[in-house]
PDB file of N, CA and C in Angstrom:
ATOM      1  N   MET A   1      99.094  46.850  77.795  1.00  0.00           N
ATOM      2  CA  MET A   1      99.363  47.792  78.864  1.00  0.00           C
ATOM      3  C   MET A   1      99.780  49.152  78.303  1.00  0.00           C
ATOM      4  N   PHE A   2     100.647  49.132  77.287  1.00  0.00           N
ATOM      5  CA  PHE A   2     101.095  50.386  76.702  1.00  0.00           C
ATOM      6  C   PHE A   2      99.931  51.174  76.132  1.00  0.00           C
ATOM      7  N   SER A   3      99.000  50.513  75.514  1.00  0.00           N
ATOM      8  CA  SER A   3      97.892  51.233  74.897  1.00  0.00           C
ATOM      9  C   SER A   3      96.952  51.822  75.953  1.00  0.00           C
ATOM     10  N   SER A   4      96.750  51.167  77.079  1.00  0.00           N
ATOM     11  CA  SER A   4      95.891  51.737  78.112  1.00  0.00           C
ATOM     12  C   SER A   4      96.561  52.935  78.785  1.00  0.00           C
ATOM     13  N   VAL A   5      97.874  52.931  78.978  1.00  0.00           N
ATOM     14  CA  VAL A   5      98.595  54.064  79.539  1.00  0.00           C
ATOM     15  C   VAL A   5      98.544  55.230  78.558  1.00  0.00           C
ATOM     16  N   SER A   6      98.769  54.937  77.270  1.00  0.00           N
ATOM     17  CA  SER A   6      98.719  55.984  76.246  1.00  0.00           C
ATOM     18  C   SER A   6      97.328  56.591  76.162  1.00  0.00           C
ATOM     19  N   THR A   7      96.316  55.755  76.222  1.00  0.00           N
ATOM     20  CA  THR A   7      94.940  56.244  76.169  1.00  0.00           C
ATOM     21  C   THR A   7      94.639  57.124  77.370  1.00  0.00           C
ATOM     22  N   SER A   8      95.098  56.738  78.536  1.00  0.00           N
ATOM     23  CA  SER A   8      94.877  57.535  79.748  1.00  0.00           C
ATOM     24  C   SER A   8      95.558  58.893  79.647  1.00  0.00           C
ATOM     25  N   ILE A   9      96.784  58.894  79.173  1.00  0.00           N
ATOM     26  CA  ILE A   9      97.528  60.157  79.028  1.00  0.00           C
ATOM     27  C   ILE A   9      96.837  61.053  78.011  1.00  0.00           C
ATOM     28  N   LEU A  10      96.435  60.490  76.890  1.00  0.00           N
ATOM     29  CA  LEU A  10      95.751  61.279  75.863  1.00  0.00           C
ATOM     30  C   LEU A  10      94.412  61.815  76.386  1.00  0.00           C
ATOM     31  N   SER A  11      93.724  61.038  77.180  1.00  0.00           N
ATOM     32  CA  SER A  11      92.448  61.483  77.758  1.00  0.00           C
ATOM     33  C   SER A  11      92.660  62.668  78.697  1.00  0.00           C
ATOM     34  N   VAL A  12      93.680  62.580  79.542  1.00  0.00           N
ATOM     35  CA  VAL A  12      93.987  63.669  80.468  1.00  0.00           C
ATOM     36  C   VAL A  12      94.377  64.927  79.685  1.00  0.00           C
ATOM     37  N   LEU A  13      95.189  64.785  78.650  1.00  0.00           N
ATOM     38  CA  LEU A  13      95.583  65.926  77.829  1.00  0.00           C
ATOM     39  C   LEU A  13      94.370  66.553  77.136  1.00  0.00           C
ATOM     40  N   ALA A  14      93.463  65.724  76.662  1.00  0.00           N
ATOM     41  CA  ALA A  14      92.260  66.242  76.004  1.00  0.00           C
ATOM     42  C   ALA A  14      91.402  67.035  76.989  1.00  0.00           C
ATOM     43  N   ILE A  15      91.262  66.546  78.202  1.00  0.00           N
ATOM     44  CA  ILE A  15      90.471  67.249  79.229  1.00  0.00           C
ATOM     45  C   ILE A  15      91.144  68.574  79.586  1.00  0.00           C
ATOM     46  N   LEU A  16      92.460  68.564  79.761  1.00  0.00           N
ATOM     47  CA  LEU A  16      93.175  69.798  80.078  1.00  0.00           C
ATOM     48  C   LEU A  16      93.038  70.831  78.955  1.00  0.00           C
ATOM     49  N   THR A  17      93.049  70.367  77.711  1.00  0.00           N
ATOM     50  CA  THR A  17      92.878  71.275  76.572  1.00  0.00           C
ATOM     51  C   THR A  17      91.498  71.904  76.601  1.00  0.00           C
ATOM     52  N   LEU A  18      90.471  71.118  76.903  1.00  0.00           N
ATOM     53  CA  LEU A  18      89.117  71.655  76.986  1.00  0.00           C
ATOM     54  C   LEU A  18      88.987  72.662  78.116  1.00  0.00           C
ATOM     55  N   VAL A  19      89.564  72.350  79.250  1.00  0.00           N
ATOM     56  CA  VAL A  19      89.491  73.256  80.399  1.00  0.00           C
ATOM     57  C   VAL A  19      90.222  74.555  80.082  1.00  0.00           C
ATOM     58  N   ALA A  20      91.376  74.464  79.471  1.00  0.00           N
ATOM     59  CA  ALA A  20      92.165  75.662  79.154  1.00  0.00           C
ATOM     60  C   ALA A  20      91.472  76.539  78.123  1.00  0.00           C
ATOM     61  N   SER A  21      90.666  75.951  77.250  1.00  0.00           N
ATOM     62  CA  SER A  21      90.005  76.743  76.211  1.00  0.00           C
ATOM     63  C   SER A  21      88.633  77.256  76.643  1.00  0.00           C
ATOM     64  N   ALA A  22      88.189  76.904  77.831  1.00  0.00           N
ATOM     65  CA  ALA A  22      86.885  77.376  78.320  1.00  0.00           C
ATOM     66  C   ALA A  22      86.944  78.878  78.554  1.00  0.00           C
ATOM     67  N   PRO A  23      85.856  79.604  78.259  1.00  0.00           N
ATOM     68  CA  PRO A  23      85.879  81.065  78.462  1.00  0.00           C
ATOM     69  C   PRO A  23      86.001  81.413  79.941  1.00  0.00           C
ATOM     70  N   ILE A  24      86.719  82.490  80.196  1.00  0.00           N
ATOM     71  CA  ILE A  24      86.909  82.967  81.564  1.00  0.00           C
ATOM     72  C   ILE A  24      85.780  83.934  81.877  1.00  0.00           C
ATOM     73  N   ASP A  25      85.179  83.800  83.043  1.00  0.00           N
ATOM     74  CA  ASP A  25      84.128  84.719  83.462  1.00  0.00           C
ATOM     75  C   ASP A  25      84.688  86.133  83.567  1.00  0.00           C
ATOM     76  N   THR A  26      83.812  87.093  83.420  1.00  0.00           N
ATOM     77  CA  THR A  26      84.204  88.481  83.570  1.00  0.00           C
ATOM     78  C   THR A  26      84.761  88.704  84.969  1.00  0.00           C
ATOM     79  N   ARG A  27      85.899  89.325  85.018  1.00  0.00           N
ATOM     80  CA  ARG A  27      86.518  89.581  86.317  1.00  0.00           C
ATOM     81  C   ARG A  27      85.781  90.711  87.019  1.00  0.00           C
ATOM     82  N   ASP A  28      85.820  90.705  88.340  1.00  0.00           N
ATOM     83  CA  ASP A  28      85.096  91.699  89.112  1.00  0.00           C
ATOM     84  C   ASP A  28      86.006  92.798  89.653  1.00  0.00           C
ATOM     85  N   VAL A  29      87.151  93.014  89.008  1.00  0.00           N
ATOM     86  CA  VAL A  29      88.037  94.098  89.409  1.00  0.00           C
ATOM     87  C   VAL A  29      87.405  95.400  88.933  1.00  0.00           C
ATOM     88  N   TYR A  30      87.278  96.342  89.827  1.00  0.00           N
ATOM     89  CA  TYR A  30      86.610  97.603  89.538  1.00  0.00           C
ATOM     90  C   TYR A  30      87.629  98.730  89.567  1.00  0.00           C
ATOM     91  N   VAL A  31      87.808  99.396  88.443  1.00  0.00           N
ATOM     92  CA  VAL A  31      88.764 100.483  88.321  1.00  0.00           C
ATOM     93  C   VAL A  31      88.020 101.707  87.770  1.00  0.00           C
ATOM     94  N   PRO A  32      87.263 102.398  88.624  1.00  0.00           N
ATOM     95  CA  PRO A  32      86.496 103.550  88.127  1.00  0.00           C
ATOM     96  C   PRO A  32      87.412 104.725  87.791  1.00  0.00           C
ATOM     97  N   PRO A  33      87.205 105.362  86.643  1.00  0.00           N
ATOM     98  CA  PRO A  33      88.063 106.502  86.285  1.00  0.00           C
ATOM     99  C   PRO A  33      87.830 107.706  87.195  1.00  0.00           C
ATOM    100  N   VAL A  34      88.918 108.331  87.599  1.00  0.00           N
ATOM    101  CA  VAL A  34      88.850 109.541  88.428  1.00  0.00           C
ATOM    102  C   VAL A  34      88.459 110.704  87.521  1.00  0.00           C
ATOM    103  N   LEU A  35      87.415 111.443  87.920  1.00  0.00           N
ATOM    104  CA  LEU A  35      86.936 112.586  87.147  1.00  0.00           C
ATOM    105  C   LEU A  35      87.511 113.913  87.645  1.00  0.00           C
ATOM    106  N   TYR A  36      87.710 114.021  88.962  1.00  0.00           N
ATOM    107  CA  TYR A  36      88.250 115.240  89.542  1.00  0.00           C
ATOM    108  C   TYR A  36      89.118 114.889  90.730  1.00  0.00           C
ATOM    109  N   PRO A  37      90.339 115.357  90.774  1.00  0.00           N
ATOM    110  CA  PRO A  37      90.908 116.434  89.977  1.00  0.00           C
ATOM    111  C   PRO A  37      91.245 115.981  88.557  1.00  0.00           C
ATOM    112  N   HIS A  38      91.252 116.944  87.651  1.00  0.00           N
ATOM    113  CA  HIS A  38      91.602 116.678  86.262  1.00  0.00           C
ATOM    114  C   HIS A  38      92.817 117.532  85.893  1.00  0.00           C
ATOM    115  N   ALA A  39      93.344 117.318  84.705  1.00  0.00           N
ATOM    116  CA  ALA A  39      94.487 118.104  84.241  1.00  0.00           C
ATOM    117  C   ALA A  39      94.109 119.582  84.281  1.00  0.00           C
ATOM    118  N   GLY A  40      94.996 120.410  84.792  1.00  0.00           N
ATOM    119  CA  GLY A  40      94.729 121.838  84.899  1.00  0.00           C
ATOM    120  C   GLY A  40      94.208 122.260  86.264  1.00  0.00           C
ATOM    121  N   THR A  41      93.828 121.305  87.104  1.00  0.00           N
ATOM    122  CA  THR A  41      93.346 121.612  88.448  1.00  0.00           C
ATOM    123  C   THR A  41      94.499 122.150  89.294  1.00  0.00           C
ATOM    124  N   VAL A  42      94.208 123.155  90.110  1.00  0.00           N
ATOM    125  CA  VAL A  42      95.196 123.695  91.054  1.00  0.00           C
ATOM    126  C   VAL A  42      94.560 123.678  92.444  1.00  0.00           C
ATOM    127  N   TRP A  43      95.203 122.960  93.363  1.00  0.00           N
ATOM    128  CA  TRP A  43      94.755 122.911  94.747  1.00  0.00           C
ATOM    129  C   TRP A  43      95.834 123.542  95.620  1.00  0.00           C
ATOM    130  N   LYS A  44      95.408 124.144  96.716  1.00  0.00           N
ATOM    131  CA  LYS A  44      96.336 124.745  97.661  1.00  0.00           C
ATOM    132  C   LYS A  44      96.573 123.775  98.826  1.00  0.00           C
ATOM    133  N   ALA A  45      97.827 123.664  99.255  1.00  0.00           N
ATOM    134  CA  ALA A  45      98.138 122.820 100.410  1.00  0.00           C
ATOM    135  C   ALA A  45      97.295 123.277 101.590  1.00  0.00           C
ATOM    136  N   GLY A  46      96.709 122.330 102.302  1.00  0.00           N
ATOM    137  CA  GLY A  46      95.852 122.630 103.446  1.00  0.00           C
ATOM    138  C   GLY A  46      94.384 122.787 103.085  1.00  0.00           C
ATOM    139  N   SER A  47      94.055 122.809 101.801  1.00  0.00           N
ATOM    140  CA  SER A  47      92.659 122.981 101.377  1.00  0.00           C
ATOM    141  C   SER A  47      91.932 121.638 101.294  1.00  0.00           C
ATOM    142  N   THR A  48      90.601 121.712 101.295  1.00  0.00           N
ATOM    143  CA  THR A  48      89.753 120.522 101.247  1.00  0.00           C
ATOM    144  C   THR A  48      88.994 120.503  99.926  1.00  0.00           C
ATOM    145  N   HIS A  49      88.909 119.320  99.321  1.00  0.00           N
ATOM    146  CA  HIS A  49      88.260 119.165  98.016  1.00  0.00           C
ATOM    147  C   HIS A  49      87.529 117.832  97.948  1.00  0.00           C
ATOM    148  N   ASN A  50      86.622 117.727  96.987  1.00  0.00           N
ATOM    149  CA  ASN A  50      85.960 116.458  96.692  1.00  0.00           C
ATOM    150  C   ASN A  50      86.668 115.779  95.539  1.00  0.00           C
ATOM    151  N   VAL A  51      87.146 114.559  95.766  1.00  0.00           N
ATOM    152  CA  VAL A  51      87.642 113.716  94.687  1.00  0.00           C
ATOM    153  C   VAL A  51      86.410 112.991  94.149  1.00  0.00           C
ATOM    154  N   THR A  52      86.239 112.981  92.832  1.00  0.00           N
ATOM    155  CA  THR A  52      85.076 112.297  92.241  1.00  0.00           C
ATOM    156  C   THR A  52      85.542 111.277  91.210  1.00  0.00           C
ATOM    157  N   TRP A  53      84.735 110.236  91.044  1.00  0.00           N
ATOM    158  CA  TRP A  53      85.035 109.187  90.064  1.00  0.00           C
ATOM    159  C   TRP A  53      83.734 108.665  89.492  1.00  0.00           C
ATOM    160  N   ASP A  54      83.841 108.040  88.320  1.00  0.00           N
ATOM    161  CA  ASP A  54      82.687 107.536  87.577  1.00  0.00           C
ATOM    162  C   ASP A  54      82.252 106.182  88.132  1.00  0.00           C
ATOM    163  N   THR A  55      81.012 106.100  88.588  1.00  0.00           N
ATOM    164  CA  THR A  55      80.483 104.837  89.137  1.00  0.00           C
ATOM    165  C   THR A  55      79.394 104.256  88.232  1.00  0.00           C
ATOM    166  N   SER A  56      79.380 104.643  86.965  1.00  0.00           N
ATOM    167  CA  SER A  56      78.283 104.247  86.075  1.00  0.00           C
ATOM    168  C   SER A  56      78.323 102.797  85.609  1.00  0.00           C
ATOM    169  N   SER A  57      79.463 102.122  85.716  1.00  0.00           N
ATOM    170  CA  SER A  57      79.514 100.753  85.205  1.00  0.00           C
ATOM    171  C   SER A  57      80.277  99.793  86.122  1.00  0.00           C
ATOM    172  N   PRO A  58      79.836  99.656  87.374  1.00  0.00           N
ATOM    173  CA  PRO A  58      80.517  98.707  88.262  1.00  0.00           C
ATOM    174  C   PRO A  58      80.155  97.265  87.891  1.00  0.00           C
ATOM    175  N   PRO A  59      81.043  96.315  88.176  1.00  0.00           N
ATOM    176  CA  PRO A  59      80.691  94.910  87.959  1.00  0.00           C
ATOM    177  C   PRO A  59      79.629  94.479  88.979  1.00  0.00           C
ATOM    178  N   LYS A  60      79.016  93.331  88.730  1.00  0.00           N
ATOM    179  CA  LYS A  60      77.965  92.843  89.635  1.00  0.00           C
ATOM    180  C   LYS A  60      78.506  92.559  91.029  1.00  0.00           C
ATOM    181  N   GLN A  61      79.713  92.011  91.082  1.00  0.00           N
ATOM    182  CA  GLN A  61      80.328  91.713  92.377  1.00  0.00           C
ATOM    183  C   GLN A  61      81.699  92.376  92.421  1.00  0.00           C
ATOM    184  N   ILE A  62      81.920  93.171  93.437  1.00  0.00           N
ATOM    185  CA  ILE A  62      83.196  93.851  93.609  1.00  0.00           C
ATOM    186  C   ILE A  62      83.955  93.154  94.733  1.00  0.00           C
ATOM    187  N   THR A  63      85.181  92.782  94.444  1.00  0.00           N
ATOM    188  CA  THR A  63      85.990  92.079  95.441  1.00  0.00           C
ATOM    189  C   THR A  63      86.235  92.935  96.663  1.00  0.00           C
ATOM    190  N   ASN A  64      86.608  94.206  96.446  1.00  0.00           N
ATOM    191  CA  ASN A  64      86.905  95.103  97.558  1.00  0.00           C
ATOM    192  C   ASN A  64      86.120  96.396  97.355  1.00  0.00           C
ATOM    193  N   ALA A  65      85.025  96.561  98.055  1.00  0.00           N
ATOM    194  CA  ALA A  65      84.169  97.747  97.902  1.00  0.00           C
ATOM    195  C   ALA A  65      84.582  98.898  98.806  1.00  0.00           C
ATOM    196  N   LYS A  66      85.617  98.718  99.598  1.00  0.00           N
ATOM    197  CA  LYS A  66      86.115  99.782 100.471  1.00  0.00           C
ATOM    198  C   LYS A  66      87.236 100.521  99.744  1.00  0.00           C
ATOM    199  N   GLY A  67      87.107 101.833  99.661  1.00  0.00           N
ATOM    200  CA  GLY A  67      88.083 102.627  98.927  1.00  0.00           C
ATOM    201  C   GLY A  67      89.128 103.266  99.823  1.00  0.00           C
ATOM    202  N   MET A  68      90.199 103.709  99.167  1.00  0.00           N
ATOM    203  CA  MET A  68      91.269 104.445  99.833  1.00  0.00           C
ATOM    204  C   MET A  68      91.813 105.447  98.816  1.00  0.00           C
ATOM    205  N   ILE A  69      92.097 106.664  99.267  1.00  0.00           N
ATOM    206  CA  ILE A  69      92.658 107.697  98.398  1.00  0.00           C
ATOM    207  C   ILE A  69      94.016 108.105  98.939  1.00  0.00           C
ATOM    208  N   VAL A  70      95.004 108.091  98.035  1.00  0.00           N
ATOM    209  CA  VAL A  70      96.381 108.398  98.388  1.00  0.00           C
ATOM    210  C   VAL A  70      96.903 109.445  97.410  1.00  0.00           C
ATOM    211  N   LEU A  71      97.746 110.328  97.895  1.00  0.00           N
ATOM    212  CA  LEU A  71      98.385 111.333  97.056  1.00  0.00           C
ATOM    213  C   LEU A  71      99.649 110.741  96.439  1.00  0.00           C
ATOM    214  N   ALA A  72      99.872 111.025  95.151  1.00  0.00           N
ATOM    215  CA  ALA A  72     101.095 110.600  94.463  1.00  0.00           C
ATOM    216  C   ALA A  72     101.781 111.829  93.885  1.00  0.00           C
ATOM    217  N   LYS A  73     103.103 111.801  93.894  1.00  0.00           N
ATOM    218  CA  LYS A  73     103.893 112.865  93.259  1.00  0.00           C
ATOM    219  C   LYS A  73     104.792 112.189  92.237  1.00  0.00           C
ATOM    220  N   GLY A  74     104.627 112.568  90.985  1.00  0.00           N
ATOM    221  CA  GLY A  74     105.344 111.863  89.923  1.00  0.00           C
ATOM    222  C   GLY A  74     104.866 110.428  89.892  1.00  0.00           C
ATOM    223  N   ASP A  75     105.792 109.501  89.941  1.00  0.00           N
ATOM    224  CA  ASP A  75     105.445 108.075  89.911  1.00  0.00           C
ATOM    225  C   ASP A  75     105.471 107.432  91.296  1.00  0.00           C
ATOM    226  N   TYR A  76     105.505 108.261  92.354  1.00  0.00           N
ATOM    227  CA  TYR A  76     105.641 107.724  93.706  1.00  0.00           C
ATOM    228  C   TYR A  76     104.436 108.053  94.580  1.00  0.00           C
ATOM    229  N   LEU A  77     103.990 107.072  95.334  1.00  0.00           N
ATOM    230  CA  LEU A  77     102.935 107.297  96.314  1.00  0.00           C
ATOM    231  C   LEU A  77     103.562 107.968  97.516  1.00  0.00           C
ATOM    232  N   VAL A  78     103.166 109.203  97.794  1.00  0.00           N
ATOM    233  CA  VAL A  78     103.765 109.930  98.917  1.00  0.00           C
ATOM    234  C   VAL A  78     102.901 109.862 100.162  1.00  0.00           C
ATOM    235  N   GLY A  79     101.683 109.364 100.026  1.00  0.00           N
ATOM    236  CA  GLY A  79     100.792 109.336 101.168  1.00  0.00           C
ATOM    237  C   GLY A  79     100.296 107.957 101.546  1.00  0.00           C
ATOM    238  N   LEU A  80     101.034 106.923 101.191  1.00  0.00           N
ATOM    239  CA  LEU A  80     100.562 105.565 101.457  1.00  0.00           C
ATOM    240  C   LEU A  80     100.472 105.262 102.951  1.00  0.00           C
ATOM    241  N   LYS A  81     101.377 105.806 103.744  1.00  0.00           N
ATOM    242  CA  LYS A  81     101.336 105.555 105.187  1.00  0.00           C
ATOM    243  C   LYS A  81     100.220 106.339 105.869  1.00  0.00           C
ATOM    244  N   LYS A  82      99.818 107.462 105.266  1.00  0.00           N
ATOM    245  CA  LYS A  82      98.730 108.288 105.795  1.00  0.00           C
ATOM    246  C   LYS A  82      97.765 108.611 104.658  1.00  0.00           C
ATOM    247  N   PRO A  83      96.873 107.666 104.344  1.00  0.00           N
ATOM    248  CA  PRO A  83      95.930 107.928 103.251  1.00  0.00           C
ATOM    249  C   PRO A  83      95.084 109.172 103.528  1.00  0.00           C
ATOM    250  N   MET A  84      94.686 109.852 102.476  1.00  0.00           N
ATOM    251  CA  MET A  84      93.842 111.043 102.603  1.00  0.00           C
ATOM    252  C   MET A  84      92.427 110.652 103.019  1.00  0.00           C
ATOM    253  N   ALA A  85      92.018 109.448 102.643  1.00  0.00           N
ATOM    254  CA  ALA A  85      90.710 108.898 103.040  1.00  0.00           C
ATOM    255  C   ALA A  85      90.798 107.384 102.903  1.00  0.00           C
ATOM    256  N   LYS A  86      90.039 106.672 103.726  1.00  0.00           N
ATOM    257  CA  LYS A  86      90.017 105.211 103.615  1.00  0.00           C
ATOM    258  C   LYS A  86      88.716 104.659 104.189  1.00  0.00           C
ATOM    259  N   ASP A  87      88.433 103.419 103.828  1.00  0.00           N
ATOM    260  CA  ASP A  87      87.263 102.677 104.303  1.00  0.00           C
ATOM    261  C   ASP A  87      85.929 103.299 103.902  1.00  0.00           C
ATOM    262  N   PHE A  88      85.878 104.001 102.773  1.00  0.00           N
ATOM    263  CA  PHE A  88      84.620 104.545 102.273  1.00  0.00           C
ATOM    264  C   PHE A  88      84.079 103.619 101.181  1.00  0.00           C
ATOM    265  N   ASP A  89      82.808 103.734 100.875  1.00  0.00           N
ATOM    266  CA  ASP A  89      82.151 102.925  99.850  1.00  0.00           C
ATOM    267  C   ASP A  89      82.610 103.387  98.468  1.00  0.00           C
ATOM    268  N   ILE A  90      83.263 102.506  97.722  1.00  0.00           N
ATOM    269  CA  ILE A  90      83.803 102.840  96.401  1.00  0.00           C
ATOM    270  C   ILE A  90      82.692 103.214  95.415  1.00  0.00           C
ATOM    271  N   LEU A  91      81.467 102.785  95.689  1.00  0.00           N
ATOM    272  CA  LEU A  91      80.345 103.104  94.800  1.00  0.00           C
ATOM    273  C   LEU A  91      79.745 104.478  95.081  1.00  0.00           C
ATOM    274  N   LYS A  92      80.253 105.165  96.088  1.00  0.00           N
ATOM    275  CA  LYS A  92      79.744 106.487  96.454  1.00  0.00           C
ATOM    276  C   LYS A  92      80.035 107.524  95.366  1.00  0.00           C
ATOM    277  N   GLY A  93      81.169 107.412  94.691  1.00  0.00           N
ATOM    278  CA  GLY A  93      81.498 108.302  93.594  1.00  0.00           C
ATOM    279  C   GLY A  93      82.164 109.605  93.986  1.00  0.00           C
ATOM    280  N   ARG A  94      82.315 109.858  95.258  1.00  0.00           N
ATOM    281  CA  ARG A  94      82.977 111.080  95.716  1.00  0.00           C
ATOM    282  C   ARG A  94      83.474 110.875  97.143  1.00  0.00           C
ATOM    283  N   GLN A  95      84.534 111.596  97.469  1.00  0.00           N
ATOM    284  CA  GLN A  95      85.063 111.557  98.826  1.00  0.00           C
ATOM    285  C   GLN A  95      85.812 112.855  99.079  1.00  0.00           C
ATOM    286  N   GLU A  96      85.531 113.474 100.209  1.00  0.00           N
ATOM    287  CA  GLU A  96      86.215 114.699 100.589  1.00  0.00           C
ATOM    288  C   GLU A  96      87.602 114.361 101.132  1.00  0.00           C
ATOM    289  N   VAL A  97      88.604 115.130 100.693  1.00  0.00           N
ATOM    290  CA  VAL A  97      89.975 114.947 101.166  1.00  0.00           C
ATOM    291  C   VAL A  97      90.576 116.310 101.481  1.00  0.00           C
ATOM    292  N   THR A  98      91.564 116.321 102.361  1.00  0.00           N
ATOM    293  CA  THR A  98      92.307 117.542 102.674  1.00  0.00           C
ATOM    294  C   THR A  98      93.755 117.328 102.268  1.00  0.00           C
ATOM    295  N   ILE A  99      94.275 118.268 101.480  1.00  0.00           N
ATOM    296  CA  ILE A  99      95.685 118.219 101.088  1.00  0.00           C
ATOM    297  C   ILE A  99      96.511 118.582 102.319  1.00  0.00           C
ATOM    298  N   PRO A 100      97.464 117.749 102.718  1.00  0.00           N
ATOM    299  CA  PRO A 100      98.272 118.081 103.893  1.00  0.00           C
ATOM    300  C   PRO A 100      98.923 119.465 103.737  1.00  0.00           C
ATOM    301  N   ALA A 101      98.910 120.242 104.803  1.00  0.00           N
ATOM    302  CA  ALA A 101      99.433 121.606 104.779  1.00  0.00           C
ATOM    303  C   ALA A 101     100.926 121.665 104.455  1.00  0.00           C
ATOM    304  N   ASP A 102     101.653 120.584 104.754  1.00  0.00           N
ATOM    305  CA  ASP A 102     103.099 120.571 104.501  1.00  0.00           C
ATOM    306  C   ASP A 102     103.467 119.990 103.138  1.00  0.00           C
ATOM    307  N   THR A 103     102.495 119.853 102.240  1.00  0.00           N
ATOM    308  CA  THR A 103     102.762 119.306 100.914  1.00  0.00           C
ATOM    309  C   THR A 103     103.652 120.264 100.122  1.00  0.00           C
ATOM    310  N   VAL A 104     104.718 119.741  99.542  1.00  0.00           N
ATOM    311  CA  VAL A 104     105.644 120.529  98.735  1.00  0.00           C
ATOM    312  C   VAL A 104     104.950 120.914  97.431  1.00  0.00           C
ATOM    313  N   PRO A 105     105.011 122.179  97.030  1.00  0.00           N
ATOM    314  CA  PRO A 105     104.367 122.587  95.778  1.00  0.00           C
ATOM    315  C   PRO A 105     104.928 121.814  94.581  1.00  0.00           C
ATOM    316  N   GLY A 106     104.078 121.581  93.596  1.00  0.00           N
ATOM    317  CA  GLY A 106     104.511 120.886  92.384  1.00  0.00           C
ATOM    318  C   GLY A 106     103.377 120.725  91.400  1.00  0.00           C
ATOM    319  N   ASP A 107     103.733 120.439  90.154  1.00  0.00           N
ATOM    320  CA  ASP A 107     102.722 120.272  89.104  1.00  0.00           C
ATOM    321  C   ASP A 107     102.631 118.834  88.614  1.00  0.00           C
ATOM    322  N   ASP A 108     103.132 117.903  89.424  1.00  0.00           N
ATOM    323  CA  ASP A 108     103.129 116.498  89.016  1.00  0.00           C
ATOM    324  C   ASP A 108     102.429 115.600  90.038  1.00  0.00           C
ATOM    325  N   TYR A 109     101.391 116.140  90.675  1.00  0.00           N
ATOM    326  CA  TYR A 109     100.628 115.356  91.647  1.00  0.00           C
ATOM    327  C   TYR A 109      99.474 114.633  90.967  1.00  0.00           C
ATOM    328  N   SER A 110      99.067 113.530  91.548  1.00  0.00           N
ATOM    329  CA  SER A 110      97.850 112.835  91.125  1.00  0.00           C
ATOM    330  C   SER A 110      97.222 112.194  92.356  1.00  0.00           C
ATOM    331  N   ILE A 111      95.960 111.892  92.221  1.00  0.00           N
ATOM    332  CA  ILE A 111      95.219 111.182  93.259  1.00  0.00           C
ATOM    333  C   ILE A 111      95.119 109.732  92.813  1.00  0.00           C
ATOM    334  N   VAL A 112      95.412 108.815  93.724  1.00  0.00           N
ATOM    335  CA  VAL A 112      95.272 107.388  93.417  1.00  0.00           C
ATOM    336  C   VAL A 112      94.090 106.862  94.209  1.00  0.00           C
ATOM    337  N   LEU A 113      93.121 106.337  93.488  1.00  0.00           N
ATOM    338  CA  LEU A 113      91.917 105.760  94.077  1.00  0.00           C
ATOM    339  C   LEU A 113      92.077 104.249  94.110  1.00  0.00           C
ATOM    340  N   PHE A 114      92.145 103.698  95.320  1.00  0.00           N
ATOM    341  CA  PHE A 114      92.275 102.249  95.485  1.00  0.00           C
ATOM    342  C   PHE A 114      90.930 101.646  95.846  1.00  0.00           C
ATOM    343  N   GLY A 115      90.680 100.485  95.335  1.00  0.00           N
ATOM    344  CA  GLY A 115      89.537  99.637  95.662  1.00  0.00           C
ATOM    345  C   GLY A 115      90.038  98.251  95.347  1.00  0.00           C
ATOM    346  N   ASP A 116      89.541  97.676  94.257  1.00  0.00           N
ATOM    347  CA  ASP A 116      90.097  96.415  93.767  1.00  0.00           C
ATOM    348  C   ASP A 116      91.499  96.622  93.213  1.00  0.00           C
ATOM    349  N   SER A 117      91.722  97.786  92.643  1.00  0.00           N
ATOM    350  CA  SER A 117      93.037  98.122  92.109  1.00  0.00           C
ATOM    351  C   SER A 117      93.193  99.636  92.199  1.00  0.00           C
ATOM    352  N   GLY A 118      94.285 100.160  91.735  1.00  0.00           N
ATOM    353  CA  GLY A 118      94.519 101.602  91.810  1.00  0.00           C
ATOM    354  C   GLY A 118      94.248 102.284  90.490  1.00  0.00           C
ATOM    355  N   ASN A 119      93.706 103.481  90.543  1.00  0.00           N
ATOM    356  CA  ASN A 119      93.448 104.259  89.353  1.00  0.00           C
ATOM    357  C   ASN A 119      93.871 105.694  89.620  1.00  0.00           C
ATOM    358  N   ASN A 120      94.790 106.197  88.809  1.00  0.00           N
ATOM    359  CA  ASN A 120      95.314 107.551  88.996  1.00  0.00           C
ATOM    360  C   ASN A 120      94.457 108.586  88.293  1.00  0.00           C
ATOM    361  N   SER A 121      94.356 109.751  88.943  1.00  0.00           N
ATOM    362  CA  SER A 121      93.781 110.919  88.268  1.00  0.00           C
ATOM    363  C   SER A 121      94.825 111.455  87.302  1.00  0.00           C
ATOM    364  N   PRO A 122      94.415 112.341  86.402  1.00  0.00           N
ATOM    365  CA  PRO A 122      95.429 113.062  85.629  1.00  0.00           C
ATOM    366  C   PRO A 122      96.279 113.900  86.585  1.00  0.00           C
ATOM    367  N   ARG A 123      97.459 114.283  86.148  1.00  0.00           N
ATOM    368  CA  ARG A 123      98.329 115.099  87.006  1.00  0.00           C
ATOM    369  C   ARG A 123      97.778 116.506  87.154  1.00  0.00           C
ATOM    370  N   PHE A 124      97.969 117.057  88.347  1.00  0.00           N
ATOM    371  CA  PHE A 124      97.476 118.401  88.655  1.00  0.00           C
ATOM    372  C   PHE A 124      98.504 119.105  89.539  1.00  0.00           C
ATOM    373  N   THR A 125      98.228 120.355  89.897  1.00  0.00           N
ATOM    374  CA  THR A 125      99.173 121.189  90.622  1.00  0.00           C
ATOM    375  C   THR A 125      98.715 121.430  92.065  1.00  0.00           C
ATOM    376  N   ILE A 126      99.702 121.425  92.975  1.00  0.00           N
ATOM    377  CA  ILE A 126      99.471 121.836  94.358  1.00  0.00           C
ATOM    378  C   ILE A 126     100.390 123.013  94.631  1.00  0.00           C
ATOM    379  N   THR A 127      99.804 124.094  95.188  1.00  0.00           N
ATOM    380  CA  THR A 127     100.563 125.311  95.513  1.00  0.00           C
ATOM    381  C   THR A 127     100.504 125.572  97.008  1.00  0.00           C
ATOM    382  N   HIS A 128     101.217 126.594  97.458  1.00  0.00           N
ATOM    383  CA  HIS A 128     101.142 127.027  98.873  1.00  0.00           C
ATOM    384  C   HIS A 128     100.289 128.245  98.985  1.00  0.00           C
TER     385      HIS A 128
END
């Protein structure tokens, strides 16, 4: 009896080891780099611009193909409750946004592009 229990336990451990060592398929999380705005960009509060991102290497299957663009200041999302754009095709590569007219001037803003995950633009400046 002891040997059959030991054999069963060893068999289960061997199977778990094989499963754990199996290669993981490529994940379909898509994080396209933001191309514009870039470092050195200056936008005026109330103005409209095109946010652009690189769509040259998307995975075959994207979990969430609907995008959302949010403004961030420093390390904080300041526009999460009112996204600048949402529900657009992430493979489009561009989306027009308007900087809210009441945006406080600063040189530590970034655009966060959400789809499967978030990707920040380089920091840029917003003026009045």
